């Protein structure tokens, strides 16, 4: 298993909002470069990957 996505984003200076930190509220949902959506709070960058491109959603209610 790779490094937690939220830790990698934080180190890169990218803020990903969170809510429940269990993947239930989807506040941290990001879209991967292949179009799949994941909850960043329960996801990791796959081991051995040098980079991972994600798209952040904007929700003014969070």
N, C-alpha and C. Protein backbone atom coordinates (compact mmCIF):
# COMPACT_ATOMS: atom_id res chain seq x y z
N UNK A 1 0.85 -1.18 0.00
CA UNK A 1 0.00 0.00 0.00
C UNK A 1 0.89 1.24 0.00
N UNK A 2 0.44 2.27 -0.66
CA UNK A 2 1.22 3.49 -0.77
C UNK A 2 0.94 4.47 0.36
N UNK A 3 1.40 5.69 0.15
CA UNK A 3 1.26 6.75 1.15
C UNK A 3 -0.13 7.37 1.08
N UNK A 4 -0.74 7.68 2.24
CA UNK A 4 -2.08 8.28 2.26
C UNK A 4 -2.16 9.54 1.39
N UNK A 5 -3.19 9.62 0.58
CA UNK A 5 -3.36 10.72 -0.37
C UNK A 5 -3.42 12.08 0.33
N UNK A 6 -4.09 12.16 1.47
CA UNK A 6 -4.17 13.44 2.18
C UNK A 6 -2.80 13.92 2.64
N UNK A 7 -1.93 13.00 3.06
CA UNK A 7 -0.59 13.38 3.49
C UNK A 7 0.24 13.88 2.31
N UNK A 8 0.12 13.22 1.18
CA UNK A 8 0.86 13.64 -0.01
C UNK A 8 0.38 15.02 -0.46
N UNK A 9 -0.93 15.22 -0.48
CA UNK A 9 -1.49 16.51 -0.88
C UNK A 9 -1.04 17.61 0.06
N UNK A 10 -1.07 17.35 1.36
CA UNK A 10 -0.65 18.35 2.33
C UNK A 10 0.81 18.74 2.13
N UNK A 11 1.65 17.76 1.91
CA UNK A 11 3.07 18.02 1.69
C UNK A 11 3.30 18.84 0.42
N UNK A 12 2.42 18.66 -0.57
CA UNK A 12 2.53 19.39 -1.83
C UNK A 12 1.86 20.76 -1.74
N UNK A 13 1.25 21.07 -0.58
CA UNK A 13 0.58 22.37 -0.42
C UNK A 13 -0.80 22.42 -1.03
N UNK A 14 -1.40 21.25 -1.26
CA UNK A 14 -2.74 21.18 -1.83
C UNK A 14 -3.73 20.86 -0.71
N UNK A 15 -4.72 21.72 -0.56
CA UNK A 15 -5.74 21.52 0.47
C UNK A 15 -6.90 20.72 -0.10
N UNK A 16 -7.19 19.59 0.51
CA UNK A 16 -8.36 18.79 0.16
C UNK A 16 -9.27 18.82 1.38
N UNK A 17 -10.46 19.41 1.25
CA UNK A 17 -11.35 19.49 2.41
C UNK A 17 -11.78 18.09 2.87
N UNK A 18 -12.00 17.96 4.15
CA UNK A 18 -12.45 16.68 4.71
C UNK A 18 -13.64 16.91 5.62
N UNK A 19 -14.36 15.87 5.87
CA UNK A 19 -15.50 15.94 6.79
C UNK A 19 -15.38 14.84 7.82
N UNK A 20 -15.81 13.66 7.45
CA UNK A 20 -15.89 12.54 8.40
C UNK A 20 -14.58 11.77 8.55
N UNK A 21 -13.70 11.85 7.59
CA UNK A 21 -12.44 11.09 7.54
C UNK A 21 -12.66 9.58 7.51
N UNK A 22 -13.84 9.16 7.06
CA UNK A 22 -14.15 7.73 6.92
C UNK A 22 -14.69 7.39 5.54
N UNK A 23 -14.77 8.37 4.64
CA UNK A 23 -15.25 8.12 3.29
C UNK A 23 -16.76 8.15 3.13
N UNK A 24 -17.48 8.52 4.18
CA UNK A 24 -18.94 8.51 4.12
C UNK A 24 -19.55 9.81 3.59
N UNK A 25 -18.94 10.93 3.93
CA UNK A 25 -19.56 12.22 3.59
C UNK A 25 -19.17 12.72 2.21
N UNK A 26 -18.11 12.20 1.63
CA UNK A 26 -17.62 12.55 0.30
C UNK A 26 -17.14 13.99 0.18
N UNK A 27 -16.84 14.65 1.28
CA UNK A 27 -16.31 16.01 1.23
C UNK A 27 -14.93 16.03 0.58
N UNK A 28 -14.21 14.94 0.69
CA UNK A 28 -12.84 14.87 0.17
C UNK A 28 -12.77 14.18 -1.19
N UNK A 29 -13.89 14.06 -1.87
CA UNK A 29 -13.91 13.34 -3.14
C UNK A 29 -13.08 14.05 -4.20
N UNK A 30 -12.24 13.30 -4.85
CA UNK A 30 -11.42 13.80 -5.95
C UNK A 30 -11.61 12.87 -7.14
N UNK A 31 -11.31 13.39 -8.31
CA UNK A 31 -11.43 12.59 -9.53
C UNK A 31 -10.04 12.25 -10.03
N UNK A 32 -9.80 10.98 -10.28
CA UNK A 32 -8.53 10.54 -10.82
C UNK A 32 -8.47 10.86 -12.31
N UNK A 33 -7.28 10.83 -12.87
CA UNK A 33 -7.10 11.17 -14.28
C UNK A 33 -7.89 10.25 -15.21
N UNK A 34 -8.25 9.06 -14.76
CA UNK A 34 -9.02 8.15 -15.61
C UNK A 34 -10.53 8.32 -15.45
N UNK A 35 -10.95 9.32 -14.64
CA UNK A 35 -12.37 9.62 -14.48
C UNK A 35 -13.02 9.00 -13.26
N UNK A 36 -12.35 8.06 -12.60
CA UNK A 36 -12.91 7.46 -11.40
C UNK A 36 -12.82 8.43 -10.23
N UNK A 37 -13.86 8.45 -9.40
CA UNK A 37 -13.88 9.30 -8.21
C UNK A 37 -13.58 8.47 -6.97
N UNK A 38 -12.76 9.04 -6.09
CA UNK A 38 -12.39 8.36 -4.85
C UNK A 38 -12.48 9.35 -3.70
N UNK A 39 -12.58 8.85 -2.50
CA UNK A 39 -12.52 9.68 -1.30
C UNK A 39 -11.06 9.72 -0.85
N UNK A 40 -10.49 10.92 -0.86
CA UNK A 40 -9.06 11.07 -0.54
C UNK A 40 -8.72 10.65 0.88
N UNK A 41 -9.69 10.74 1.79
CA UNK A 41 -9.40 10.43 3.19
C UNK A 41 -9.14 8.95 3.43
N UNK A 42 -9.58 8.09 2.52
CA UNK A 42 -9.39 6.66 2.70
C UNK A 42 -8.59 6.05 1.55
N UNK A 43 -7.94 6.90 0.75
CA UNK A 43 -7.19 6.43 -0.41
C UNK A 43 -5.71 6.68 -0.22
N UNK A 44 -4.92 5.94 -0.97
CA UNK A 44 -3.46 6.11 -0.93
C UNK A 44 -2.94 6.18 -2.36
N UNK A 45 -1.81 6.84 -2.51
CA UNK A 45 -1.11 6.82 -3.79
C UNK A 45 -0.53 5.42 -3.92
N UNK A 46 -0.83 4.73 -5.02
CA UNK A 46 -0.33 3.37 -5.16
C UNK A 46 1.19 3.29 -5.03
N UNK A 47 1.67 2.29 -4.35
CA UNK A 47 3.11 2.09 -4.18
C UNK A 47 3.78 2.01 -5.54
N UNK A 48 4.91 2.66 -5.65
CA UNK A 48 5.66 2.62 -6.89
C UNK A 48 5.29 3.69 -7.90
N UNK A 49 4.21 4.43 -7.65
CA UNK A 49 3.82 5.51 -8.58
C UNK A 49 4.62 6.76 -8.26
N UNK A 50 5.19 7.38 -9.27
CA UNK A 50 5.94 8.61 -9.07
C UNK A 50 5.02 9.81 -8.97
N UNK A 51 3.87 9.75 -9.62
CA UNK A 51 2.91 10.84 -9.56
C UNK A 51 1.50 10.30 -9.76
N UNK A 52 0.55 11.10 -9.34
CA UNK A 52 -0.87 10.76 -9.50
C UNK A 52 -1.60 12.07 -9.78
N UNK A 53 -2.28 12.13 -10.89
CA UNK A 53 -3.02 13.34 -11.25
C UNK A 53 -4.44 13.22 -10.74
N UNK A 54 -4.88 14.25 -9.97
CA UNK A 54 -6.25 14.27 -9.48
C UNK A 54 -6.89 15.61 -9.84
N UNK A 55 -8.20 15.61 -9.95
CA UNK A 55 -8.96 16.82 -10.16
C UNK A 55 -9.77 17.08 -8.89
N UNK A 56 -9.70 18.31 -8.40
CA UNK A 56 -10.43 18.66 -7.20
C UNK A 56 -11.78 19.26 -7.56
N UNK A 57 -12.80 18.91 -6.82
CA UNK A 57 -14.12 19.49 -6.99
C UNK A 57 -14.26 20.67 -6.05
N UNK A 58 -15.08 21.62 -6.41
CA UNK A 58 -15.34 22.77 -5.55
C UNK A 58 -16.79 22.73 -5.13
N UNK A 59 -17.01 22.74 -3.82
CA UNK A 59 -18.38 22.75 -3.28
C UNK A 59 -18.45 23.88 -2.25
N UNK A 60 -19.12 24.97 -2.58
CA UNK A 60 -19.15 26.12 -1.68
C UNK A 60 -19.82 25.86 -0.33
N UNK A 61 -20.54 24.75 -0.19
CA UNK A 61 -21.18 24.46 1.09
C UNK A 61 -20.21 23.83 2.08
N UNK A 62 -19.05 23.36 1.63
CA UNK A 62 -18.07 22.76 2.53
C UNK A 62 -17.17 23.84 2.97
